[in-house]
Amino acid sequence: MAEAVRPRLRRQALSLAFAVGPFGIAFGVICSEAGLSVAQSIGFSSLVFTGGTQFAAVGVLSDGGTAVAAISAGLLLSVRSLAFGVAMAPALRGSFFARAAMSQLMIDEAMAVGTSAVDLDDRRYGYLWGGLAVFVVWNITTVAGRLLVDTDSDVVTDFGLDATIPAAFLALVWPRLADPDQRRTALAGALIALALVPLTPPGVPIVVAALGVLAARPAR
């Protein structure tokens, strides 16, 4: 079974890693615009390593916001990682330090690849492949964006690359929609997020959309 599942997990991990590349370049450009050094940019991508959180924090700093405001914005967008941790905990066995190291990879892409497998060992394998593949590509492209791209250019939107990540996630989610419970969950979560986008700060719709899982409960 592992022989059939793991090549698929590797392909998914690599496809998502290359999909985030343009956004890593965009993040490097934003770091340059915000006046961050190369070392600071690398620090964000290697230590913080949560794309949306990084964009939010650097965006606040670029607009003249305080460090407290930047950290608050980042924390709000990272709340979803708590749910990711609960879902992946059974598969991420090991010592405290091993699990702490693996938690650094708790990002959307690693979660998506890991949870596409059923067996716990395969889930761990997919999670690590997804997280490490994105980590390598994200850090390389951050440096490339910081050093090589003109800050006046808009690489992501000019070439329509902002559609790559949603498309990659849709490809992962699509097979699951064959299950009625998961269809109800996806629809409920999407409706919640869409309703909250104009009413709440960035990050809140994604967190609250997790309540869509209640739609999967069987009728009593």
N, C-alpha and C. Protein backbone atom coordinates (compact mmCIF):
# COMPACT_ATOMS: atom_id res chain seq x y z
N MET A 1 0.83 -1.21 0.00
CA MET A 1 0.00 0.00 0.00
C MET A 1 0.86 1.25 0.00
N ALA A 2 1.93 1.24 0.85
CA ALA A 2 2.80 2.42 0.93
C ALA A 2 3.44 2.71 -0.42
N GLU A 3 3.75 1.61 -1.18
CA GLU A 3 4.39 1.83 -2.47
C GLU A 3 3.48 2.60 -3.42
N ALA A 4 2.16 2.39 -3.30
CA ALA A 4 1.22 3.07 -4.18
C ALA A 4 0.90 4.48 -3.69
N VAL A 5 0.84 4.65 -2.39
CA VAL A 5 0.43 5.92 -1.81
C VAL A 5 1.55 6.95 -1.80
N ARG A 6 2.73 6.55 -1.45
CA ARG A 6 3.80 7.52 -1.20
C ARG A 6 4.29 8.25 -2.45
N PRO A 7 4.37 7.60 -3.61
CA PRO A 7 4.70 8.40 -4.81
C PRO A 7 3.66 9.49 -5.08
N ARG A 8 2.40 9.18 -4.83
CA ARG A 8 1.36 10.21 -5.01
C ARG A 8 1.56 11.35 -4.02
N LEU A 9 1.90 11.03 -2.78
CA LEU A 9 2.13 12.07 -1.78
C LEU A 9 3.32 12.96 -2.17
N ARG A 10 4.36 12.34 -2.72
CA ARG A 10 5.51 13.13 -3.15
C ARG A 10 5.15 14.06 -4.30
N ARG A 11 4.36 13.55 -5.24
CA ARG A 11 3.94 14.40 -6.36
C ARG A 11 3.10 15.57 -5.88
N GLN A 12 2.20 15.32 -4.94
CA GLN A 12 1.37 16.39 -4.40
C GLN A 12 2.24 17.42 -3.68
N ALA A 13 3.20 16.94 -2.90
CA ALA A 13 4.07 17.86 -2.15
C ALA A 13 4.86 18.74 -3.10
N LEU A 14 5.43 18.16 -4.14
CA LEU A 14 6.25 18.94 -5.07
C LEU A 14 5.40 19.91 -5.87
N SER A 15 4.18 19.50 -6.25
CA SER A 15 3.32 20.42 -7.02
C SER A 15 2.94 21.63 -6.18
N LEU A 16 2.65 21.42 -4.91
CA LEU A 16 2.31 22.55 -4.04
C LEU A 16 3.53 23.42 -3.77
N ALA A 17 4.69 22.79 -3.64
CA ALA A 17 5.91 23.57 -3.38
C ALA A 17 6.20 24.52 -4.54
N PHE A 18 6.08 24.02 -5.77
CA PHE A 18 6.33 24.89 -6.91
C PHE A 18 5.22 25.92 -7.08
N ALA A 19 4.02 25.59 -6.62
CA ALA A 19 2.92 26.55 -6.71
C ALA A 19 3.14 27.77 -5.82
N VAL A 20 3.82 27.57 -4.68
CA VAL A 20 4.03 28.70 -3.77
C VAL A 20 5.26 29.52 -4.16
N GLY A 21 6.05 29.04 -5.12
CA GLY A 21 7.25 29.77 -5.52
C GLY A 21 7.02 31.22 -5.87
N PRO A 22 6.03 31.54 -6.71
CA PRO A 22 5.79 32.95 -7.04
C PRO A 22 5.48 33.81 -5.82
N PHE A 23 4.83 33.23 -4.85
CA PHE A 23 4.49 34.00 -3.65
C PHE A 23 5.73 34.20 -2.77
N GLY A 24 6.65 33.25 -2.81
CA GLY A 24 7.91 33.45 -2.11
C GLY A 24 8.69 34.61 -2.71
N ILE A 25 8.68 34.70 -4.06
CA ILE A 25 9.32 35.83 -4.74
C ILE A 25 8.63 37.13 -4.34
N ALA A 26 7.29 37.11 -4.34
CA ALA A 26 6.54 38.32 -3.96
C ALA A 26 6.86 38.72 -2.53
N PHE A 27 7.02 37.74 -1.64
CA PHE A 27 7.35 38.08 -0.26
C PHE A 27 8.73 38.72 -0.17
N GLY A 28 9.69 38.20 -0.95
CA GLY A 28 11.01 38.81 -0.96
C GLY A 28 10.97 40.25 -1.43
N VAL A 29 10.13 40.53 -2.45
CA VAL A 29 9.99 41.90 -2.94
C VAL A 29 9.39 42.79 -1.86
N ILE A 30 8.37 42.29 -1.16
CA ILE A 30 7.75 43.08 -0.09
C ILE A 30 8.76 43.38 1.02
N CYS A 31 9.60 42.39 1.34
CA CYS A 31 10.64 42.62 2.35
C CYS A 31 11.58 43.75 1.91
N SER A 32 11.93 43.75 0.63
CA SER A 32 12.79 44.80 0.11
C SER A 32 12.10 46.16 0.22
N GLU A 33 10.83 46.22 -0.13
CA GLU A 33 10.08 47.47 -0.04
C GLU A 33 9.96 47.96 1.40
N ALA A 34 9.90 47.01 2.34
CA ALA A 34 9.76 47.37 3.76
C ALA A 34 11.11 47.73 4.39
N GLY A 35 12.20 47.58 3.62
CA GLY A 35 13.52 47.92 4.14
C GLY A 35 14.18 46.84 4.96
N LEU A 36 13.69 45.61 4.86
CA LEU A 36 14.30 44.51 5.61
C LEU A 36 15.56 44.04 4.90
N SER A 37 16.54 43.65 5.66
CA SER A 37 17.78 43.13 5.09
C SER A 37 17.55 41.72 4.58
N VAL A 38 18.54 41.19 3.85
CA VAL A 38 18.45 39.82 3.36
C VAL A 38 18.34 38.85 4.53
N ALA A 39 19.13 39.08 5.59
CA ALA A 39 19.10 38.20 6.76
C ALA A 39 17.75 38.23 7.44
N GLN A 40 17.16 39.42 7.56
CA GLN A 40 15.84 39.53 8.17
C GLN A 40 14.77 38.84 7.32
N SER A 41 14.89 38.96 6.02
CA SER A 41 13.93 38.31 5.12
C SER A 41 14.02 36.79 5.25
N ILE A 42 15.26 36.29 5.30
CA ILE A 42 15.46 34.85 5.48
C ILE A 42 14.93 34.41 6.83
N GLY A 43 15.13 35.23 7.85
CA GLY A 43 14.62 34.90 9.18
C GLY A 43 13.12 34.75 9.19
N PHE A 44 12.43 35.65 8.49
CA PHE A 44 10.98 35.54 8.41
C PHE A 44 10.58 34.23 7.75
N SER A 45 11.22 33.88 6.64
CA SER A 45 10.79 32.70 5.88
C SER A 45 11.22 31.39 6.52
N SER A 46 12.28 31.39 7.31
CA SER A 46 12.74 30.14 7.91
C SER A 46 12.21 29.94 9.33
N LEU A 47 12.02 31.02 10.08
CA LEU A 47 11.59 30.90 11.47
C LEU A 47 10.08 31.07 11.61
N VAL A 48 9.51 32.07 10.95
CA VAL A 48 8.06 32.24 11.00
C VAL A 48 7.39 31.20 10.09
N PHE A 49 7.78 31.16 8.83
CA PHE A 49 7.39 30.12 7.88
C PHE A 49 5.89 29.82 7.86
N THR A 50 5.11 30.85 7.73
CA THR A 50 3.67 30.69 7.46
C THR A 50 3.31 31.84 6.54
N GLY A 51 3.19 31.55 5.26
CA GLY A 51 3.10 32.57 4.23
C GLY A 51 2.18 33.73 4.53
N GLY A 52 0.91 33.45 4.84
CA GLY A 52 -0.04 34.52 5.11
C GLY A 52 0.36 35.37 6.29
N THR A 53 0.88 34.72 7.33
CA THR A 53 1.33 35.44 8.52
C THR A 53 2.50 36.36 8.18
N GLN A 54 3.42 35.86 7.35
CA GLN A 54 4.57 36.68 6.97
C GLN A 54 4.13 37.92 6.19
N PHE A 55 3.24 37.74 5.22
CA PHE A 55 2.75 38.87 4.44
C PHE A 55 2.06 39.89 5.34
N ALA A 56 1.25 39.41 6.29
CA ALA A 56 0.52 40.32 7.17
C ALA A 56 1.48 41.11 8.04
N ALA A 57 2.46 40.42 8.64
CA ALA A 57 3.38 41.08 9.56
C ALA A 57 4.25 42.11 8.84
N VAL A 58 4.82 41.72 7.69
CA VAL A 58 5.68 42.64 6.95
C VAL A 58 4.85 43.80 6.39
N GLY A 59 3.62 43.51 5.99
CA GLY A 59 2.75 44.57 5.50
C GLY A 59 2.49 45.62 6.55
N VAL A 60 2.25 45.19 7.79
CA VAL A 60 2.04 46.13 8.89
C VAL A 60 3.28 46.97 9.13
N LEU A 61 4.45 46.30 9.14
CA LEU A 61 5.70 47.03 9.35
C LEU A 61 5.97 48.01 8.21
N SER A 62 5.65 47.60 6.98
CA SER A 62 5.87 48.46 5.82
C SER A 62 5.01 49.71 5.88
N ASP A 63 3.83 49.59 6.49
CA ASP A 63 2.92 50.73 6.61
C ASP A 63 3.21 51.59 7.84
N GLY A 64 4.29 51.26 8.54
CA GLY A 64 4.66 52.05 9.71
C GLY A 64 4.07 51.57 11.00
N GLY A 65 3.47 50.37 11.00
CA GLY A 65 2.88 49.83 12.22
C GLY A 65 3.93 49.37 13.21
N THR A 66 3.51 49.15 14.43
CA THR A 66 4.42 48.72 15.49
C THR A 66 4.65 47.21 15.42
N ALA A 67 5.66 46.77 16.14
CA ALA A 67 5.94 45.33 16.21
C ALA A 67 4.78 44.58 16.85
N VAL A 68 4.13 45.21 17.84
CA VAL A 68 2.99 44.57 18.51
C VAL A 68 1.85 44.35 17.51
N ALA A 69 1.59 45.36 16.68
CA ALA A 69 0.53 45.23 15.67
C ALA A 69 0.88 44.15 14.65
N ALA A 70 2.14 44.08 14.26
CA ALA A 70 2.57 43.07 13.29
C ALA A 70 2.42 41.66 13.87
N ILE A 71 2.82 41.50 15.12
CA ILE A 71 2.71 40.18 15.77
C ILE A 71 1.25 39.80 15.94
N SER A 72 0.41 40.75 16.31
CA SER A 72 -1.02 40.48 16.50
C SER A 72 -1.66 40.02 15.19
N ALA A 73 -1.32 40.70 14.10
CA ALA A 73 -1.86 40.31 12.80
C ALA A 73 -1.42 38.90 12.43
N GLY A 74 -0.16 38.60 12.70
CA GLY A 74 0.36 37.28 12.39
C GLY A 74 -0.28 36.19 13.22
N LEU A 75 -0.49 36.46 14.51
CA LEU A 75 -1.11 35.47 15.39
C LEU A 75 -2.53 35.17 14.97
N LEU A 76 -3.25 36.19 14.56
CA LEU A 76 -4.63 35.99 14.14
C LEU A 76 -4.71 35.04 12.96
N LEU A 77 -3.80 35.21 12.01
CA LEU A 77 -3.80 34.35 10.83
C LEU A 77 -3.28 32.94 11.13
N SER A 78 -2.58 32.77 12.26
CA SER A 78 -1.99 31.47 12.57
C SER A 78 -2.85 30.62 13.49
N VAL A 79 -3.99 31.14 13.91
CA VAL A 79 -4.84 30.39 14.83
C VAL A 79 -5.24 29.05 14.24
N ARG A 80 -5.42 29.00 12.91
CA ARG A 80 -5.83 27.76 12.27
C ARG A 80 -4.84 26.63 12.50
N SER A 81 -3.59 26.97 12.81
CA SER A 81 -2.58 25.93 13.04
C SER A 81 -2.92 25.07 14.25
N LEU A 82 -3.69 25.62 15.20
CA LEU A 82 -4.12 24.82 16.35
C LEU A 82 -4.98 23.65 15.90
N ALA A 83 -5.92 23.92 14.99
CA ALA A 83 -6.75 22.84 14.46
C ALA A 83 -5.92 21.85 13.65
N PHE A 84 -4.94 22.37 12.89
CA PHE A 84 -4.06 21.48 12.13
C PHE A 84 -3.33 20.53 13.08
N GLY A 85 -2.84 21.08 14.19
CA GLY A 85 -2.10 20.26 15.15
C GLY A 85 -2.93 19.15 15.73
N VAL A 86 -4.19 19.46 16.05
CA VAL A 86 -5.09 18.43 16.59
C VAL A 86 -5.31 17.32 15.57
N ALA A 87 -5.49 17.70 14.31
CA ALA A 87 -5.75 16.70 13.27
C ALA A 87 -4.53 15.83 12.99
N MET A 88 -3.33 16.42 13.05
CA MET A 88 -2.12 15.68 12.69
C MET A 88 -1.45 14.98 13.87
N ALA A 89 -1.84 15.32 15.10
CA ALA A 89 -1.15 14.80 16.29
C ALA A 89 -1.01 13.28 16.31
N PRO A 90 -2.05 12.51 15.98
CA PRO A 90 -1.89 11.05 16.04
C PRO A 90 -0.80 10.52 15.10
N ALA A 91 -0.54 11.23 14.01
CA ALA A 91 0.47 10.76 13.04
C ALA A 91 1.87 11.23 13.37
N LEU A 92 2.00 12.29 14.16
CA LEU A 92 3.32 12.86 14.45
C LEU A 92 3.83 12.37 15.79
N ARG A 93 4.12 11.10 15.82
CA ARG A 93 4.61 10.49 17.06
C ARG A 93 6.11 10.70 17.21
N GLY A 94 6.59 10.57 18.46
CA GLY A 94 8.01 10.71 18.72
C GLY A 94 8.26 11.46 20.00
N SER A 95 9.52 11.80 20.25
CA SER A 95 9.88 12.54 21.45
C SER A 95 9.35 13.96 21.38
N PHE A 96 9.41 14.63 22.51
CA PHE A 96 8.95 16.02 22.57
C PHE A 96 9.71 16.89 21.56
N PHE A 97 11.03 16.70 21.50
CA PHE A 97 11.84 17.54 20.62
C PHE A 97 11.58 17.21 19.16
N ALA A 98 11.34 15.94 18.85
CA ALA A 98 11.02 15.57 17.47
C ALA A 98 9.70 16.18 17.05
N ARG A 99 8.71 16.12 17.92
CA ARG A 99 7.40 16.70 17.59
C ARG A 99 7.48 18.22 17.52
N ALA A 100 8.30 18.83 18.37
CA ALA A 100 8.48 20.28 18.30
C ALA A 100 9.10 20.69 16.98
N ALA A 101 10.09 19.89 16.51
CA ALA A 101 10.72 20.20 15.22
C ALA A 101 9.73 20.04 14.08
N MET A 102 8.92 18.98 14.13
CA MET A 102 7.94 18.76 13.07
C MET A 102 6.86 19.83 13.06
N SER A 103 6.57 20.40 14.21
CA SER A 103 5.53 21.43 14.28
C SER A 103 5.91 22.68 13.50
N GLN A 104 7.21 22.87 13.26
CA GLN A 104 7.65 24.02 12.46
C GLN A 104 7.10 23.95 11.03
N LEU A 105 6.73 22.75 10.60
CA LEU A 105 6.23 22.55 9.24
C LEU A 105 4.70 22.57 9.19
N MET A 106 4.04 23.01 10.26
CA MET A 106 2.57 22.96 10.34
C MET A 106 1.96 24.09 9.51
N ILE A 107 1.95 23.88 8.20
CA ILE A 107 1.41 24.86 7.27
C ILE A 107 0.29 24.21 6.46
N ASP A 108 -0.44 25.04 5.73
CA ASP A 108 -1.58 24.53 4.96
C ASP A 108 -1.17 23.41 4.00
N GLU A 109 -0.04 23.60 3.30
CA GLU A 109 0.36 22.64 2.29
C GLU A 109 0.74 21.29 2.91
N ALA A 110 1.49 21.31 4.01
CA ALA A 110 1.85 20.06 4.69
C ALA A 110 0.61 19.36 5.21
N MET A 111 -0.31 20.13 5.74
CA MET A 111 -1.57 19.57 6.24
C MET A 111 -2.37 18.94 5.11
N ALA A 112 -2.44 19.63 3.97
CA ALA A 112 -3.22 19.13 2.84
C ALA A 112 -2.66 17.80 2.33
N VAL A 113 -1.35 17.71 2.19
CA VAL A 113 -0.74 16.47 1.69
C VAL A 113 -0.87 15.37 2.73
N GLY A 114 -0.61 15.69 4.00
CA GLY A 114 -0.67 14.68 5.04
C GLY A 114 -2.05 14.08 5.20
N THR A 115 -3.06 14.91 5.24
CA THR A 115 -4.42 14.40 5.47
C THR A 115 -5.04 13.76 4.25
N SER A 116 -4.34 13.79 3.10
CA SER A 116 -4.86 13.08 1.93
C SER A 116 -4.58 11.59 2.02
N ALA A 117 -3.82 11.16 3.04
CA ALA A 117 -3.55 9.74 3.27
C ALA A 117 -4.38 9.26 4.46
N VAL A 118 -4.64 7.98 4.52
CA VAL A 118 -5.44 7.40 5.60
C VAL A 118 -4.55 6.80 6.69
N ASP A 119 -3.60 5.98 6.29
CA ASP A 119 -2.69 5.35 7.23
C ASP A 119 -1.85 6.39 7.95
N LEU A 120 -1.65 6.24 9.27
CA LEU A 120 -0.95 7.26 10.05
C LEU A 120 0.51 7.42 9.61
N ASP A 121 1.17 6.32 9.27
CA ASP A 121 2.56 6.43 8.80
C ASP A 121 2.62 7.18 7.48
N ASP A 122 1.65 6.94 6.61
CA ASP A 122 1.61 7.66 5.34
C ASP A 122 1.27 9.13 5.56
N ARG A 123 0.43 9.40 6.54
CA ARG A 123 0.10 10.79 6.85
C ARG A 123 1.35 11.56 7.30
N ARG A 124 2.12 10.92 8.15
CA ARG A 124 3.36 11.55 8.62
C ARG A 124 4.32 11.76 7.44
N TYR A 125 4.42 10.77 6.58
CA TYR A 125 5.29 10.85 5.40
C TYR A 125 4.86 12.01 4.51
N GLY A 126 3.57 12.09 4.22
CA GLY A 126 3.06 13.16 3.37
C GLY A 126 3.23 14.53 4.00
N TYR A 127 2.99 14.60 5.30
CA TYR A 127 3.14 15.87 6.02
C TYR A 127 4.57 16.37 5.94
N LEU A 128 5.53 15.49 6.19
CA LEU A 128 6.94 15.89 6.17
C LEU A 128 7.38 16.26 4.75
N TRP A 129 6.94 15.49 3.76
CA TRP A 129 7.29 15.83 2.38
C TRP A 129 6.70 17.17 1.98
N GLY A 130 5.43 17.38 2.32
CA GLY A 130 4.79 18.64 1.98
C GLY A 130 5.46 19.82 2.66
N GLY A 131 5.73 19.69 3.96
CA GLY A 131 6.34 20.79 4.71
C GLY A 131 7.75 21.09 4.27
N LEU A 132 8.57 20.05 4.09
CA LEU A 132 9.97 20.28 3.72
C LEU A 132 10.10 20.79 2.29
N ALA A 133 9.29 20.27 1.38
CA ALA A 133 9.36 20.73 -0.01
C ALA A 133 9.02 22.22 -0.09
N VAL A 134 7.96 22.63 0.61
CA VAL A 134 7.59 24.05 0.60
C VAL A 134 8.65 24.89 1.31
N PHE A 135 9.20 24.38 2.40
CA PHE A 135 10.21 25.12 3.15
C PHE A 135 11.41 25.47 2.26
N VAL A 136 11.88 24.48 1.51
CA VAL A 136 13.05 24.70 0.63
C VAL A 136 12.72 25.72 -0.45
N VAL A 137 11.61 25.49 -1.15
CA VAL A 137 11.25 26.38 -2.27
C VAL A 137 10.94 27.78 -1.76
N TRP A 138 10.22 27.88 -0.65
CA TRP A 138 9.83 29.18 -0.12
C TRP A 138 11.04 30.03 0.27
N ASN A 139 12.03 29.40 0.90
CA ASN A 139 13.21 30.15 1.31
C ASN A 139 14.08 30.55 0.13
N ILE A 140 14.21 29.66 -0.86
CA ILE A 140 14.99 30.01 -2.05
C ILE A 140 14.34 31.17 -2.79
N THR A 141 13.03 31.10 -2.97
CA THR A 141 12.35 32.15 -3.73
C THR A 141 12.27 33.45 -2.94
N THR A 142 12.25 33.39 -1.63
CA THR A 142 12.30 34.62 -0.83
C THR A 142 13.60 35.38 -1.10
N VAL A 143 14.70 34.65 -1.08
CA VAL A 143 15.99 35.28 -1.36
C VAL A 143 16.02 35.82 -2.78
N ALA A 144 15.49 35.05 -3.73
CA ALA A 144 15.47 35.50 -5.13
C ALA A 144 14.66 36.79 -5.27
N GLY A 145 13.51 36.84 -4.63
CA GLY A 145 12.69 38.04 -4.69
C GLY A 145 13.34 39.23 -4.04
N ARG A 146 14.04 38.96 -2.95
CA ARG A 146 14.70 40.05 -2.21
C ARG A 146 15.87 40.63 -3.00
N LEU A 147 16.58 39.78 -3.75
CA LEU A 147 17.80 40.22 -4.42
C LEU A 147 17.64 40.56 -5.89
N LEU A 148 16.73 39.86 -6.58
CA LEU A 148 16.75 39.90 -8.03
C LEU A 148 15.62 40.66 -8.70
N VAL A 149 14.47 40.77 -8.03
CA VAL A 149 13.29 41.33 -8.69
C VAL A 149 13.16 42.81 -8.39
N ASP A 150 12.87 43.57 -9.42
CA ASP A 150 12.64 45.01 -9.29
C ASP A 150 11.41 45.23 -8.41
N THR A 151 11.52 46.09 -7.42
CA THR A 151 10.41 46.31 -6.50
C THR A 151 9.22 46.96 -7.17
N ASP A 152 9.40 47.52 -8.38
CA ASP A 152 8.27 48.13 -9.09
C ASP A 152 7.46 47.10 -9.88
N SER A 153 7.97 45.88 -10.00
CA SER A 153 7.26 44.87 -10.79
C SER A 153 6.28 44.11 -9.91
N ASP A 154 5.29 43.50 -10.53
CA ASP A 154 4.30 42.70 -9.82
C ASP A 154 4.24 41.34 -10.49
N VAL A 155 5.20 40.50 -10.14
CA VAL A 155 5.37 39.21 -10.81
C VAL A 155 4.13 38.34 -10.69
N VAL A 156 3.53 38.33 -9.52
CA VAL A 156 2.44 37.41 -9.26
C VAL A 156 1.21 37.73 -10.10
N THR A 157 0.74 38.98 -10.02
CA THR A 157 -0.50 39.33 -10.72
C THR A 157 -0.29 39.54 -12.22
N ASP A 158 0.88 40.02 -12.63
CA ASP A 158 1.12 40.25 -14.04
C ASP A 158 1.01 38.97 -14.86
N PHE A 159 1.42 37.86 -14.27
CA PHE A 159 1.41 36.58 -14.98
C PHE A 159 0.28 35.65 -14.52
N GLY A 160 -0.61 36.17 -13.68
CA GLY A 160 -1.73 35.36 -13.22
C GLY A 160 -1.34 34.23 -12.30
N LEU A 161 -0.17 34.37 -11.65
CA LEU A 161 0.32 33.28 -10.80
C LEU A 161 -0.41 33.20 -9.47
N ASP A 162 -1.24 34.21 -9.17
CA ASP A 162 -1.97 34.18 -7.91
C ASP A 162 -3.05 33.10 -7.92
N ALA A 163 -3.30 32.50 -9.08
CA ALA A 163 -4.29 31.41 -9.16
C ALA A 163 -3.69 30.04 -8.91
N THR A 164 -2.36 29.95 -8.80
CA THR A 164 -1.74 28.63 -8.73
C THR A 164 -2.05 27.91 -7.42
N ILE A 165 -1.99 28.61 -6.30
CA ILE A 165 -2.23 27.94 -5.02
C ILE A 165 -3.69 27.50 -4.88
N PRO A 166 -4.68 28.39 -5.16
CA PRO A 166 -6.06 27.89 -5.10
C PRO A 166 -6.31 26.70 -6.03
N ALA A 167 -5.71 26.73 -7.21
CA ALA A 167 -5.90 25.62 -8.14
C ALA A 167 -5.29 24.33 -7.59
N ALA A 168 -4.12 24.44 -6.98
CA ALA A 168 -3.48 23.25 -6.42
C ALA A 168 -4.29 22.67 -5.27
N PHE A 169 -4.83 23.55 -4.42
CA PHE A 169 -5.64 23.07 -3.30
C PHE A 169 -6.95 22.46 -3.80
N LEU A 170 -7.54 23.04 -4.83
CA LEU A 170 -8.76 22.49 -5.38
C LEU A 170 -8.51 21.08 -5.92
N ALA A 171 -7.34 20.88 -6.53
CA ALA A 171 -7.01 19.55 -7.04
C ALA A 171 -6.90 18.53 -5.92
N LEU A 172 -6.43 18.96 -4.73
CA LEU A 172 -6.33 18.05 -3.59
C LEU A 172 -7.69 17.78 -2.96
N VAL A 173 -8.53 18.82 -2.91
CA VAL A 173 -9.82 18.69 -2.25
C VAL A 173 -10.83 17.95 -3.11
N TRP A 174 -10.73 18.10 -4.42
CA TRP A 174 -11.76 17.60 -5.32
C TRP A 174 -12.12 16.13 -5.10
N PRO A 175 -11.15 15.20 -4.97
CA PRO A 175 -11.53 13.79 -4.76
C PRO A 175 -12.34 13.56 -3.50
N ARG A 176 -12.16 14.40 -2.49
CA ARG A 176 -12.88 14.22 -1.23
C ARG A 176 -14.35 14.59 -1.35
N LEU A 177 -14.68 15.39 -2.35
CA LEU A 177 -16.05 15.86 -2.49
C LEU A 177 -16.99 14.75 -2.95
N ALA A 178 -16.46 13.58 -3.20
CA ALA A 178 -17.32 12.43 -3.51
C ALA A 178 -18.09 11.98 -2.28
N ASP A 179 -17.60 12.33 -1.10
CA ASP A 179 -18.25 11.95 0.16
C ASP A 179 -19.28 13.02 0.54
N PRO A 180 -20.55 12.66 0.80
CA PRO A 180 -21.58 13.66 1.12
C PRO A 180 -21.25 14.51 2.34
N ASP A 181 -20.68 13.89 3.39
CA ASP A 181 -20.34 14.65 4.59
C ASP A 181 -19.30 15.72 4.29
N GLN A 182 -18.31 15.36 3.48
CA GLN A 182 -17.27 16.33 3.16
C GLN A 182 -17.77 17.41 2.21
N ARG A 183 -18.73 17.07 1.36
CA ARG A 183 -19.33 18.10 0.51
C ARG A 183 -20.08 19.12 1.36
N ARG A 184 -20.83 18.64 2.34
CA ARG A 184 -21.56 19.56 3.22
C ARG A 184 -20.59 20.43 4.01
N THR A 185 -19.51 19.83 4.49
CA THR A 185 -18.50 20.60 5.24
C THR A 185 -17.88 21.68 4.38
N ALA A 186 -17.49 21.31 3.16
CA ALA A 186 -16.85 22.28 2.25
C ALA A 186 -17.80 23.42 1.91
N LEU A 187 -19.05 23.09 1.61
CA LEU A 187 -20.02 24.12 1.25
C LEU A 187 -20.30 25.05 2.42
N ALA A 188 -20.49 24.48 3.61
CA ALA A 188 -20.77 25.30 4.79
C ALA A 188 -19.59 26.21 5.11
N GLY A 189 -18.37 25.66 5.05
CA GLY A 189 -17.18 26.48 5.33
C GLY A 189 -17.03 27.60 4.33
N ALA A 190 -17.28 27.31 3.05
CA ALA A 190 -17.16 28.35 2.02
C ALA A 190 -18.18 29.46 2.22
N LEU A 191 -19.40 29.09 2.57
CA LEU A 191 -20.45 30.10 2.79
C LEU A 191 -20.13 30.97 4.00
N ILE A 192 -19.63 30.35 5.06
CA ILE A 192 -19.26 31.12 6.26
C ILE A 192 -18.16 32.13 5.93
N ALA A 193 -17.12 31.66 5.22
CA ALA A 193 -16.00 32.54 4.88
C ALA A 193 -16.47 33.69 3.98
N LEU A 194 -17.28 33.38 2.98
CA LEU A 194 -17.75 34.42 2.06
C LEU A 194 -18.59 35.47 2.80
N ALA A 195 -19.39 35.02 3.76
CA ALA A 195 -20.24 35.95 4.50
C ALA A 195 -19.42 36.87 5.41
N LEU A 196 -18.28 36.37 5.91
CA LEU A 196 -17.50 37.14 6.87
C LEU A 196 -16.43 38.02 6.23
N VAL A 197 -16.07 37.75 4.97
CA VAL A 197 -15.00 38.53 4.33
C VAL A 197 -15.24 40.04 4.40
N PRO A 198 -16.45 40.54 4.08
CA PRO A 198 -16.63 42.00 4.13
C PRO A 198 -16.84 42.56 5.53
N LEU A 199 -16.95 41.67 6.52
CA LEU A 199 -17.34 42.13 7.86
C LEU A 199 -16.23 42.02 8.89
N THR A 200 -15.23 41.22 8.64
CA THR A 200 -14.22 40.93 9.66
C THR A 200 -12.82 41.16 9.13
N PRO A 201 -11.82 41.28 10.03
CA PRO A 201 -10.42 41.46 9.60
C PRO A 201 -9.92 40.22 8.87
N PRO A 202 -8.88 40.39 8.04
CA PRO A 202 -8.29 39.24 7.34
C PRO A 202 -7.88 38.14 8.33
N GLY A 203 -8.13 36.92 7.96
CA GLY A 203 -7.79 35.78 8.80
C GLY A 203 -8.97 35.23 9.56
N VAL A 204 -9.87 36.10 10.00
CA VAL A 204 -11.03 35.65 10.78
C VAL A 204 -11.94 34.74 9.97
N PRO A 205 -12.27 35.09 8.69
CA PRO A 205 -13.15 34.19 7.94
C PRO A 205 -12.61 32.77 7.82
N ILE A 206 -11.29 32.64 7.65
CA ILE A 206 -10.70 31.30 7.51
C ILE A 206 -10.84 30.51 8.81
N VAL A 207 -10.61 31.19 9.94
CA VAL A 207 -10.70 30.51 11.23
C VAL A 207 -12.13 30.10 11.52
N VAL A 208 -13.07 31.02 11.36
CA VAL A 208 -14.46 30.73 11.69
C VAL A 208 -15.06 29.71 10.72
N ALA A 209 -14.53 29.66 9.49
CA ALA A 209 -15.05 28.69 8.51
C ALA A 209 -14.89 27.26 8.98
N ALA A 210 -14.01 27.03 9.96
CA ALA A 210 -13.85 25.68 10.50
C ALA A 210 -15.14 25.16 11.11
N LEU A 211 -16.06 26.08 11.47
CA LEU A 211 -17.35 25.65 12.01
C LEU A 211 -18.17 24.89 10.97
N GLY A 212 -17.75 24.98 9.71
CA GLY A 212 -18.44 24.22 8.68
C GLY A 212 -18.43 22.73 8.93
N VAL A 213 -17.52 22.27 9.76
CA VAL A 213 -17.46 20.83 10.06
C VAL A 213 -18.73 20.36 10.75
N LEU A 214 -19.45 21.27 11.40
CA LEU A 214 -20.70 20.89 12.07
C LEU A 214 -21.74 20.41 11.06
N ALA A 215 -21.61 20.87 9.82
CA ALA A 215 -22.57 20.44 8.80
C ALA A 215 -22.44 18.96 8.46
N ALA A 216 -21.31 18.36 8.83
CA ALA A 216 -21.09 16.94 8.53
C ALA A 216 -21.71 16.03 9.58
N ARG A 217 -22.20 16.61 10.67
CA ARG A 217 -22.81 15.78 11.72
C ARG A 217 -24.08 15.13 11.18
N PRO A 218 -24.28 13.88 11.49
CA PRO A 218 -25.50 13.22 10.99
C PRO A 218 -26.75 13.81 11.63
N ALA A 219 -27.81 13.83 10.87
CA ALA A 219 -29.08 14.36 11.40
C ALA A 219 -29.58 13.47 12.53
N ARG A 220 -30.08 14.11 13.59
CA ARG A 220 -30.60 13.38 14.73
C ARG A 220 -32.12 13.23 14.60
